[in-house]
Structures are given as C-alpha cells and as structure tokens.
Amino acid sequence: MTGSAAPARHDPYVALRHRDFRWYILSVFTMTLASQLQAVVVGWQVYSITHDPLSLGLIGLAEALPFIACALPAGYVADRWNRRSVAVASLCVLGLCSAALLWLSASPALIARLGVAPVYAVIFGVGIARSVYQPARQALGAELVPRNQLENAIAWRSGTWQIAAVVGPAAGGLLYGFAGPVSAYALDVALMVCALASVLAIRYTPAALSIGNSPMVTDLLSGLRFVWREPVILGALSLDLFSVFLGGAEALLPVFASEILRVGPQGLGVLRAAPAAGAVAMAVFLAHRAPIERAGRVLLVAVAVFAVAIVGFGLSHSFGLSLALLIVSGMADSVSVVIRSTLLQLLTPPDMLGRVSAVNSVFIGSSNELGAFESGVAARLLGAVRAVVLGGVAALAVVGLTARLVPRLRQLGRIA
C-alpha cells in the first residue's frame, strides 16, 4: 500500500552540521564579543573625560564616515577577491586598533595631554576595517551552506552575534568597573586574535564568479541599482535605516547609566547587553521554528514593537523596567534582522552578494553610527530623555509610512 510522502522534518541545526560554518560562527562570536566590549569601554571612558553627550555622538560619527565612504568599494573587493583573505586582512587591522586602544589606556599622560582625540582617530580606523570586513564576511557565510539552508544559517548567525552582544557589554562594564580599561582592552585584543584564527581555520575555495570586464564604477554602482530595482529589499532596508537612525538609544546609554538610573559602568554593561539578551532568545526561537509565513507583516509589527519599547525606555526611571524594555526591543530587532538578511541573501545572485551586502552595510552604518551622532546632537539640544522619546515616536511613524508606500513589503509571504 502506498500513501503520500510525509513532509520533511524541520532540522533546527542543519546549518551547524557544516564544519566550516561552525568555524565561521566562532569567528563571528569572538569578533562581536570584542567589538561590543570595546564599545562599552570607549563610551564610558570618553564620557567620563568629557561629561558631554555630544562626545558620544562623535564616536559614532568617527566610525560612520569611513564606514559609509568605504562600503561600496568594499563590496566590489568582496566580489573580486578571495572573501576569506579580505576578512583576514580586515581582522588584522581591527586587532591593531584594539592594541592601540590598549596602549592609549596604559598611557594616561598621553590622554591627559591630548584628550580624547587619539581615541576618535583609532575609531576612525575601526570604521574603515569594519566597512571592508562586513560584506566579505556576509558573502563568505552565504557560501558555506546550501542556499536552501540560508534562513537557518542566518538565524544561528544572528543568535550567535546577539549572544556575544550580551556577554561583551557585560564583560566590558564589569572589567572597567573592577579592573580598569587596560584589562578590558587586553581581553579585546585576545578576542580579536581568536576571531582571526577561526577565519583561518575555514577551508574555503572561492566559487567561480561571473562579474565580467565592466568598468569599476559600473561594478561599484551595480549593487545600488540591484537594490533600487527590488522594492521589497529597498523597503526593508529603508525601514531599518530610518527606524534605528531615529529610534536608537544605544549611544546615550552612558548618560542614562550615569545620570538617570545611576548604576555606574557595571550597570552600563548590563544595559548594553539587555537588547542582545532579548535578541538571543528570539533568534533561538526562530531557528527552532519553520520559516515565517507572513514575513512582511511580521517585519512591520516587529519594528513597531521596537519603537514602542524605545519610547518606554526613554520615559523609565526604573533600572528593572529599563532592562525589560531594552530586552523587548532586542527581541523585535532580532525578527527584523533575520527577515531582512534572508531577503538579501536569497534574492541576490551569488556573484553580487559582496556588492549588495555593501549596500546593506551603508544602510546599517547610516542607521547605527550616524544614528549615534544624531542621538548625541539631539541630547545636547533637547536632553537625553526627550531625544530618546521623540526618536521612538518618529520611528513608529516610519513604520506606518513604509506600510503605506511599499505594499509589496506589507504583502510579503514566506521568503523562498
């Protein structure tokens, strides 16, 4: 007797069964751990010297300007050269930047004489290296698993990133509070070395890419043209850009930790870790469930929840409530990241992954780093609380506008 075939069972660990993807995930984890730890220490260190919220915005600007300027050439490089080699070179530079911050912190006389300008200079170098690293890393990860396993791989990559973003800020805040910045930066350097070793352990043979002999400028702009022709991708990226640019509160957390919640550098580390803690829980949930069926509506709802949580955080004067709201914002952001990343990597031809990932990096860099600068300026003009609350309200308005202007995104079903 014959019957219909049973549906294939969903395997939540299918991407992790690939040896090279596991090394890739370890590299993502250690590099993110280092960068998140570094962000907490740099933010508290600079604010403790200047006591000016605008100085926190300038950290974001120092990283955003080179990040955005180099993004499109970095995508071209990721599609023309060996992606693992590009990632290795970028990690070497990031490791040197971490070592420079360690040296500066071990030289208090230099900081006393020059102020925070050398720190901004190092962060400028970090922006260049991260800009080159991001598209190479994302395109490399997409080559290590079959394309029908990409959504699962992205969920694990996102979850791994978020776990590191929980541990890194907490470790940075605790080390700064109890042992000082030198110990924190020493761990930062060690983690960068581990990230580099993990990428070197990946066995990688570049796929044959069909870019052709078109002029460099044409290739540089091809990623932008591709995104512009795909309204669903453009809508998802624009939604992320404006919601995080307007509604991000991360850059102002040192102000809240110091002056509103009064929890010191240790509390700052916990606050920085809270969104990632929520994102970890959500990423694990997404990895264990079947693909999202109504992806467009879920994306819009997730960003709306993020905006409401940010408004609540801005109004809160309770450390516990602030933590809970940041956790909720991280859960919502994790949903957005998985849907957006799956869209990008499934709808983009393999030979264009580097250039399209570079365009994605421009949007992310604009929302995160330039958003940090916008937050610093708004806090200087309006105060930290008003800046965060009004930013969250503006982000909520962006969700409604996107839903109206991009109906194909609103109607998007299962991504396949």
Protein backbone atom coordinates (compact mmCIF):
# COMPACT_ATOMS: atom_id res chain seq x y z
CA MET A 1 0.00 0.00 0.00
CA THR A 2 1.33 3.41 -0.89
CA GLY A 3 0.49 6.80 0.54
CA SER A 4 1.57 10.38 0.28
CA ALA A 5 5.10 11.08 1.39
CA ALA A 6 5.49 12.52 4.87
CA PRO A 7 6.65 16.14 4.95
CA ALA A 8 10.34 16.63 5.60
CA ARG A 9 11.05 17.24 9.27
CA HIS A 10 12.45 20.68 10.10
CA ASP A 11 16.04 20.37 11.34
CA PRO A 12 16.89 23.40 13.53
CA TYR A 13 20.62 22.53 13.49
CA VAL A 14 21.05 21.88 9.78
CA ALA A 15 23.45 24.79 9.18
CA LEU A 16 25.59 23.88 12.19
CA ARG A 17 26.25 20.44 10.72
CA HIS A 18 28.71 22.06 8.30
CA ARG A 19 32.23 22.12 9.74
CA ASP A 20 33.33 25.36 8.10
CA PHE A 21 30.14 27.15 9.08
CA ARG A 22 30.91 26.26 12.72
CA TRP A 23 34.34 27.93 12.42
CA TYR A 24 32.63 30.90 10.80
CA ILE A 25 30.17 31.15 13.68
CA LEU A 26 33.04 31.03 16.19
CA SER A 27 34.73 33.90 14.38
CA VAL A 28 31.51 35.93 14.37
CA PHE A 29 31.13 35.27 18.09
CA THR A 30 34.64 36.29 19.16
CA MET A 31 34.86 39.32 16.86
CA THR A 32 31.45 40.58 18.04
CA LEU A 33 32.39 39.91 21.66
CA ALA A 34 35.49 42.05 21.19
CA SER A 35 33.72 44.91 19.40
CA GLN A 36 30.84 45.05 21.88
CA LEU A 37 33.20 45.03 24.84
CA GLN A 38 35.22 47.77 23.15
CA ALA A 39 32.14 49.93 22.52
CA VAL A 40 31.16 49.94 26.20
CA VAL A 41 34.66 50.77 27.41
CA VAL A 42 35.21 53.52 24.82
CA GLY A 43 31.80 55.07 25.53
CA TRP A 44 32.26 55.19 29.30
CA GLN A 45 35.89 56.27 29.02
CA VAL A 46 35.10 59.18 26.68
CA TYR A 47 32.05 60.32 28.67
CA SER A 48 33.98 60.18 31.95
CA ILE A 49 36.55 62.56 30.43
CA THR A 50 34.19 64.97 28.65
CA HIS A 51 30.83 64.70 30.51
CA ASP A 52 29.24 65.78 27.21
CA PRO A 53 26.60 63.65 25.39
CA LEU A 54 27.78 65.11 22.09
CA SER A 55 31.13 63.37 22.61
CA LEU A 56 29.25 60.06 22.49
CA GLY A 57 27.70 61.09 19.18
CA LEU A 58 31.14 61.96 17.84
CA ILE A 59 32.26 58.39 18.50
CA GLY A 60 29.51 57.23 16.15
CA LEU A 61 30.42 59.86 13.58
CA ALA A 62 34.13 58.93 13.70
CA GLU A 63 33.18 55.36 12.79
CA ALA A 64 30.31 56.15 10.40
CA LEU A 65 32.13 58.45 7.99
CA PRO A 66 34.85 55.99 6.89
CA PHE A 67 32.44 53.05 7.17
CA ILE A 68 29.99 54.55 4.68
CA ALA A 69 32.68 56.03 2.42
CA CYS A 70 34.41 52.67 2.00
CA ALA A 71 31.32 50.45 1.82
CA LEU A 72 30.75 50.30 -1.94
CA PRO A 73 34.45 49.75 -2.80
CA ALA A 74 34.49 47.08 -0.08
CA GLY A 75 31.62 45.26 -1.78
CA TYR A 76 33.50 45.39 -5.07
CA VAL A 77 36.57 43.90 -3.35
CA ALA A 78 34.46 41.15 -1.75
CA ASP A 79 33.15 40.09 -5.18
CA ARG A 80 36.51 40.33 -6.96
CA TRP A 81 38.93 38.87 -4.41
CA ASN A 82 39.08 35.87 -2.10
CA ARG A 83 36.48 36.65 0.55
CA ARG A 84 38.27 34.79 3.32
CA SER A 85 41.50 36.69 2.59
CA VAL A 86 39.64 40.02 2.74
CA ALA A 87 38.11 39.03 6.10
CA VAL A 88 41.54 38.01 7.42
CA ALA A 89 43.14 41.32 6.40
CA SER A 90 40.28 43.29 7.99
CA LEU A 91 40.53 41.37 11.24
CA CYS A 92 44.26 42.08 11.36
CA VAL A 93 43.55 45.82 11.19
CA LEU A 94 40.81 45.56 13.81
CA GLY A 95 43.23 43.74 16.08
CA LEU A 96 45.79 46.53 15.65
CA CYS A 97 43.12 49.12 16.52
CA SER A 98 42.30 47.19 19.71
CA ALA A 99 46.00 47.13 20.57
CA ALA A 100 46.17 50.91 20.00
CA LEU A 101 43.32 51.48 22.47
CA LEU A 102 45.14 49.26 24.96
CA TRP A 103 48.31 51.32 24.54
CA LEU A 104 46.43 54.62 24.94
CA SER A 105 44.75 53.44 28.12
CA ALA A 106 48.11 52.33 29.51
CA SER A 107 49.45 55.87 28.82
CA PRO A 108 47.31 58.19 30.99
CA ALA A 109 49.76 61.06 30.50
CA LEU A 110 49.06 60.98 26.76
CA ILE A 111 45.30 61.08 27.31
CA ALA A 112 45.72 63.94 29.78
CA ARG A 113 47.72 65.93 27.21
CA LEU A 114 45.76 65.16 24.03
CA GLY A 115 42.29 64.44 25.42
CA VAL A 116 40.02 62.03 23.52
CA ALA A 117 41.25 62.95 20.01
CA PRO A 118 43.51 59.83 19.73
CA VAL A 119 40.53 57.64 20.66
CA TYR A 120 38.49 59.17 17.84
CA ALA A 121 41.40 58.54 15.45
CA VAL A 122 41.50 54.84 16.38
CA ILE A 123 37.73 54.55 15.99
CA PHE A 124 38.12 56.08 12.52
CA GLY A 125 40.44 53.18 11.67
CA VAL A 126 37.92 50.73 13.11
CA GLY A 127 35.28 52.18 10.76
CA ILE A 128 37.47 51.54 7.70
CA ALA A 129 38.28 47.97 8.73
CA ARG A 130 34.68 47.11 9.62
CA SER A 131 33.47 48.52 6.31
CA VAL A 132 35.77 46.16 4.40
CA TYR A 133 35.07 43.24 6.73
CA GLN A 134 31.25 43.30 6.69
CA PRO A 135 30.45 42.48 3.03
CA ALA A 136 33.27 39.91 2.82
CA ARG A 137 32.05 38.19 6.00
CA GLN A 138 28.40 38.14 4.95
CA ALA A 139 29.15 36.87 1.45
CA LEU A 140 31.54 34.25 2.84
CA GLY A 141 28.92 32.95 5.25
CA ALA A 142 26.41 32.53 2.42
CA GLU A 143 28.89 30.29 0.57
CA LEU A 144 29.43 27.86 3.45
CA VAL A 145 25.92 26.34 3.43
CA PRO A 146 23.46 25.38 0.64
CA ARG A 147 21.11 28.22 -0.29
CA ASN A 148 18.04 26.30 0.92
CA GLN A 149 19.60 26.36 4.42
CA LEU A 150 20.32 30.09 4.45
CA GLU A 151 17.41 31.14 6.67
CA ASN A 152 18.51 28.64 9.31
CA ALA A 153 22.13 29.76 8.95
CA ILE A 154 21.15 33.42 9.29
CA ALA A 155 19.11 32.67 12.41
CA TRP A 156 22.14 30.97 14.01
CA ARG A 157 24.47 33.74 12.85
CA SER A 158 22.14 36.37 14.28
CA GLY A 159 21.73 34.42 17.52
CA THR A 160 25.49 33.99 17.85
CA TRP A 161 26.02 37.71 17.25
CA GLN A 162 23.42 38.53 19.88
CA ILE A 163 24.89 36.13 22.47
CA ALA A 164 28.21 37.90 22.02
CA ALA A 165 26.40 41.22 22.28
CA VAL A 166 25.05 40.08 25.68
CA VAL A 167 28.34 38.86 27.08
CA GLY A 168 30.58 41.55 25.55
CA PRO A 169 29.00 44.68 27.08
CA ALA A 170 28.53 42.98 30.44
CA ALA A 171 32.17 41.86 30.46
CA GLY A 172 33.33 45.30 29.35
CA GLY A 173 31.36 47.09 32.06
CA LEU A 174 32.46 44.70 34.80
CA LEU A 175 36.12 44.76 33.77
CA TYR A 176 36.11 48.56 33.50
CA GLY A 177 34.39 48.94 36.86
CA PHE A 178 36.51 46.48 38.83
CA ALA A 179 39.84 46.28 36.95
CA GLY A 180 40.07 49.37 34.75
CA PRO A 181 40.23 49.96 30.98
CA VAL A 182 43.64 48.31 30.47
CA SER A 183 42.31 44.88 31.49
CA ALA A 184 39.23 45.34 29.34
CA TYR A 185 41.25 46.27 26.25
CA ALA A 186 43.66 43.37 26.85
CA LEU A 187 40.68 40.98 26.60
CA ASP A 188 39.56 42.87 23.49
CA VAL A 189 42.91 42.15 21.79
CA ALA A 190 42.83 38.47 22.78
CA LEU A 191 39.34 38.02 21.35
CA MET A 192 40.34 39.64 18.05
CA VAL A 193 43.19 37.14 17.77
CA CYS A 194 40.72 34.28 18.33
CA ALA A 195 38.43 35.68 15.62
CA LEU A 196 41.34 35.80 13.19
CA ALA A 197 42.40 32.22 13.99
CA SER A 198 38.83 30.97 13.45
CA VAL A 199 38.60 32.51 9.96
CA LEU A 200 41.97 31.00 9.07
CA ALA A 201 40.60 27.56 10.05
CA ILE A 202 37.83 27.75 7.41
CA ARG A 203 38.53 25.56 4.38
CA TYR A 204 37.36 27.79 1.58
CA THR A 205 37.58 27.52 -2.18
CA PRO A 206 36.18 30.63 -3.89
CA ALA A 207 33.30 29.98 -6.25
CA ALA A 208 33.70 30.99 -9.89
CA LEU A 209 32.19 34.47 -10.14
CA SER A 210 30.77 35.87 -13.38
CA ILE A 211 31.42 39.60 -12.99
CA GLY A 212 32.89 40.21 -16.43
CA ASN A 213 35.04 43.12 -17.51
CA SER A 214 32.74 46.07 -16.91
CA PRO A 215 34.30 49.32 -15.65
CA MET A 216 34.95 49.58 -11.92
CA VAL A 217 32.47 52.42 -11.44
CA THR A 218 29.75 50.34 -13.10
CA ASP A 219 30.51 47.42 -10.79
CA LEU A 220 30.57 49.69 -7.73
CA LEU A 221 27.11 51.03 -8.54
CA SER A 222 25.59 47.70 -9.61
CA GLY A 223 24.73 46.78 -6.04
CA LEU A 224 22.83 50.05 -5.60
CA ARG A 225 20.98 49.51 -8.90
CA PHE A 226 20.01 45.98 -7.88
CA VAL A 227 18.59 47.14 -4.54
CA TRP A 228 16.76 50.04 -6.24
CA ARG A 229 15.07 47.60 -8.67
CA GLU A 230 13.91 45.31 -5.82
CA PRO A 231 11.19 47.26 -3.96
CA VAL A 232 10.87 44.62 -1.22
CA ILE A 233 14.60 44.77 -0.39
CA LEU A 234 14.66 48.56 -0.68
CA GLY A 235 11.62 48.85 1.59
CA ALA A 236 13.10 46.51 4.22
CA LEU A 237 16.44 48.33 4.22
CA SER A 238 14.81 51.76 4.38
CA LEU A 239 12.59 50.65 7.25
CA ASP A 240 15.65 49.53 9.22
CA LEU A 241 17.63 52.66 8.30
CA PHE A 242 15.09 55.24 9.47
CA SER A 243 13.68 53.35 12.45
CA VAL A 244 17.10 52.73 14.01
CA PHE A 245 18.50 56.12 12.95
CA LEU A 246 15.62 57.89 14.68
CA GLY A 247 14.79 55.44 17.45
CA GLY A 248 18.18 54.13 18.55
CA ALA A 249 19.05 54.83 22.19
CA GLU A 250 22.27 52.82 22.47
CA ALA A 251 24.68 55.75 22.10
CA LEU A 252 23.07 57.58 25.02
CA LEU A 253 23.18 54.65 27.45
CA PRO A 254 26.23 56.10 29.28
CA VAL A 255 24.12 59.19 30.05
CA PHE A 256 21.21 57.09 31.35
CA ALA A 257 23.53 54.84 33.36
CA SER A 258 25.40 57.77 34.88
CA GLU A 259 22.78 60.47 35.45
CA ILE A 260 19.26 58.99 35.25
CA LEU A 261 19.47 55.40 36.51
CA ARG A 262 22.75 55.97 38.42
CA VAL A 263 24.12 52.43 38.02
CA GLY A 264 27.75 53.15 37.02
CA PRO A 265 29.85 51.34 34.39
CA GLN A 266 28.72 47.93 35.63
CA GLY A 267 25.10 48.91 35.08
CA LEU A 268 26.00 50.35 31.69
CA GLY A 269 27.35 46.96 30.65
CA VAL A 270 24.10 45.31 31.70
CA LEU A 271 22.02 47.92 29.86
CA ARG A 272 24.10 47.45 26.70
CA ALA A 273 23.65 43.68 26.99
CA ALA A 274 19.87 43.77 27.51
CA PRO A 275 18.76 44.20 23.85
CA ALA A 276 21.07 41.38 22.82
CA ALA A 277 19.70 39.14 25.57
CA GLY A 278 16.22 39.54 24.12
CA ALA A 279 17.56 39.01 20.61
CA VAL A 280 19.26 35.75 21.65
CA ALA A 281 16.01 34.33 22.97
CA MET A 282 14.17 35.33 19.81
CA ALA A 283 16.91 34.04 17.48
CA VAL A 284 16.88 30.61 19.17
CA PHE A 285 13.09 30.54 18.84
CA LEU A 286 13.28 31.44 15.15
CA ALA A 287 15.95 28.80 14.50
CA HIS A 288 13.70 26.11 16.01
CA ARG A 289 10.55 27.02 14.10
CA ALA A 290 9.55 26.67 10.47
CA PRO A 291 10.14 29.65 8.14
CA ILE A 292 7.94 32.69 8.76
CA GLU A 293 4.85 32.59 6.57
CA ARG A 294 3.73 36.26 6.60
CA ALA A 295 7.17 37.82 6.65
CA GLY A 296 6.12 41.33 5.56
CA ARG A 297 3.54 41.90 8.27
CA VAL A 298 5.76 40.29 10.89
CA LEU A 299 8.60 42.64 9.91
CA LEU A 300 6.41 45.75 10.23
CA VAL A 301 4.97 44.65 13.58
CA ALA A 302 8.45 43.85 14.89
CA VAL A 303 9.78 47.32 14.06
CA ALA A 304 6.68 48.93 15.61
CA VAL A 305 7.26 46.97 18.83
CA PHE A 306 10.89 48.11 18.78
CA ALA A 307 9.81 51.77 18.54
CA VAL A 308 7.27 51.48 21.37
CA ALA A 309 9.88 49.83 23.62
CA ILE A 310 12.33 52.68 22.95
CA VAL A 311 9.70 55.27 23.91
CA GLY A 312 9.07 53.38 27.14
CA PHE A 313 12.79 53.18 27.89
CA GLY A 314 13.17 56.93 27.46
CA LEU A 315 10.37 57.56 29.99
CA SER A 316 11.55 54.99 32.55
CA HIS A 317 13.41 55.89 35.74
CA SER A 318 13.48 52.29 37.00
CA PHE A 319 16.53 50.16 36.24
CA GLY A 320 14.44 46.97 36.14
CA LEU A 321 11.81 48.40 33.80
CA SER A 322 14.51 49.90 31.56
CA LEU A 323 16.16 46.48 31.30
CA ALA A 324 12.86 44.81 30.43
CA LEU A 325 12.08 47.35 27.70
CA LEU A 326 15.55 47.02 26.17
CA ILE A 327 15.11 43.23 26.15
CA VAL A 328 11.82 43.63 24.27
CA SER A 329 13.49 45.98 21.77
CA GLY A 330 16.17 43.37 21.14
CA MET A 331 13.61 40.62 20.56
CA ALA A 332 11.83 42.77 17.99
CA ASP A 333 15.09 43.75 16.30
CA SER A 334 16.12 40.08 16.00
CA VAL A 335 12.98 39.32 13.98
CA SER A 336 13.76 42.25 11.69
CA VAL A 337 17.38 41.16 11.21
CA VAL A 338 16.50 37.57 10.28
CA ILE A 339 13.81 38.58 7.76
CA ARG A 340 15.94 41.32 6.19
CA SER A 341 19.07 39.18 5.95
CA THR A 342 17.15 36.24 4.47
CA LEU A 343 15.61 38.53 1.86
CA LEU A 344 19.01 39.89 0.88
CA GLN A 345 20.81 36.58 0.59
CA LEU A 346 18.04 34.62 -1.15
CA LEU A 347 17.09 37.30 -3.67
CA THR A 348 20.67 38.30 -4.54
CA PRO A 349 22.67 36.38 -7.20
CA PRO A 350 25.77 34.75 -5.60
CA ASP A 351 28.19 36.79 -7.74
CA MET A 352 26.65 40.04 -6.41
CA LEU A 353 26.50 39.13 -2.72
CA GLY A 354 29.51 41.27 -1.81
CA ARG A 355 28.23 44.42 -3.53
CA VAL A 356 24.66 44.06 -2.26
CA SER A 357 25.96 43.30 1.24
CA ALA A 358 27.98 46.51 0.95
CA VAL A 359 24.79 48.45 0.21
CA ASN A 360 23.25 46.79 3.26
CA SER A 361 26.32 47.92 5.24
CA VAL A 362 25.71 51.51 4.10
CA PHE A 363 22.16 51.34 5.42
CA ILE A 364 23.27 49.69 8.69
CA GLY A 365 26.16 52.12 9.13
CA SER A 366 23.86 55.06 8.47
CA SER A 367 21.31 53.83 10.99
CA ASN A 368 23.70 52.74 13.75
CA GLU A 369 26.74 55.02 13.66
CA LEU A 370 25.12 58.13 12.16
CA GLY A 371 22.15 57.42 14.42
CA ALA A 372 24.55 57.61 17.36
CA PHE A 373 25.68 61.04 16.17
CA GLU A 374 22.06 62.15 15.72
CA SER A 375 21.31 60.95 19.27
CA GLY A 376 24.25 62.90 20.67
CA VAL A 377 23.20 66.11 18.92
CA ALA A 378 19.55 65.67 19.94
CA ALA A 379 20.57 65.01 23.55
CA ARG A 380 22.72 68.14 23.58
CA LEU A 381 19.78 70.22 22.29
CA LEU A 382 16.79 68.56 23.97
CA GLY A 383 18.18 66.43 26.78
CA ALA A 384 18.67 62.66 26.70
CA VAL A 385 15.12 61.71 27.74
CA ARG A 386 13.36 63.89 25.18
CA ALA A 387 15.79 62.81 22.46
CA VAL A 388 15.03 59.11 23.03
CA VAL A 389 11.25 59.52 23.39
CA LEU A 390 10.82 61.71 20.30
CA GLY A 391 13.10 59.39 18.33
CA GLY A 392 10.95 56.39 19.23
CA VAL A 393 7.78 58.22 18.19
CA ALA A 394 9.40 59.16 14.87
CA ALA A 395 10.43 55.51 14.31
CA LEU A 396 6.83 54.42 14.86
CA ALA A 397 5.71 56.92 12.23
CA VAL A 398 8.26 55.43 9.81
CA VAL A 399 6.60 52.01 10.17
CA GLY A 400 3.21 53.40 9.18
CA LEU A 401 4.70 55.32 6.25
CA THR A 402 6.58 52.24 4.98
CA ALA A 403 3.47 50.05 5.20
CA ARG A 404 1.59 52.58 3.09
CA LEU A 405 4.28 53.33 0.50
CA VAL A 406 5.61 49.78 -0.02
CA PRO A 407 2.54 47.49 -0.28
CA ARG A 408 4.65 44.64 -1.71
CA LEU A 409 6.60 44.53 1.55
CA ARG A 410 3.38 44.53 3.58
CA GLN A 411 2.02 41.66 1.46
CA LEU A 412 5.22 39.58 1.52
CA GLY A 413 4.59 35.97 2.48
CA ARG A 414 7.06 33.18 3.09
CA ILE A 415 10.56 34.01 1.80
CA ALA A 416 11.70 31.37 -0.67
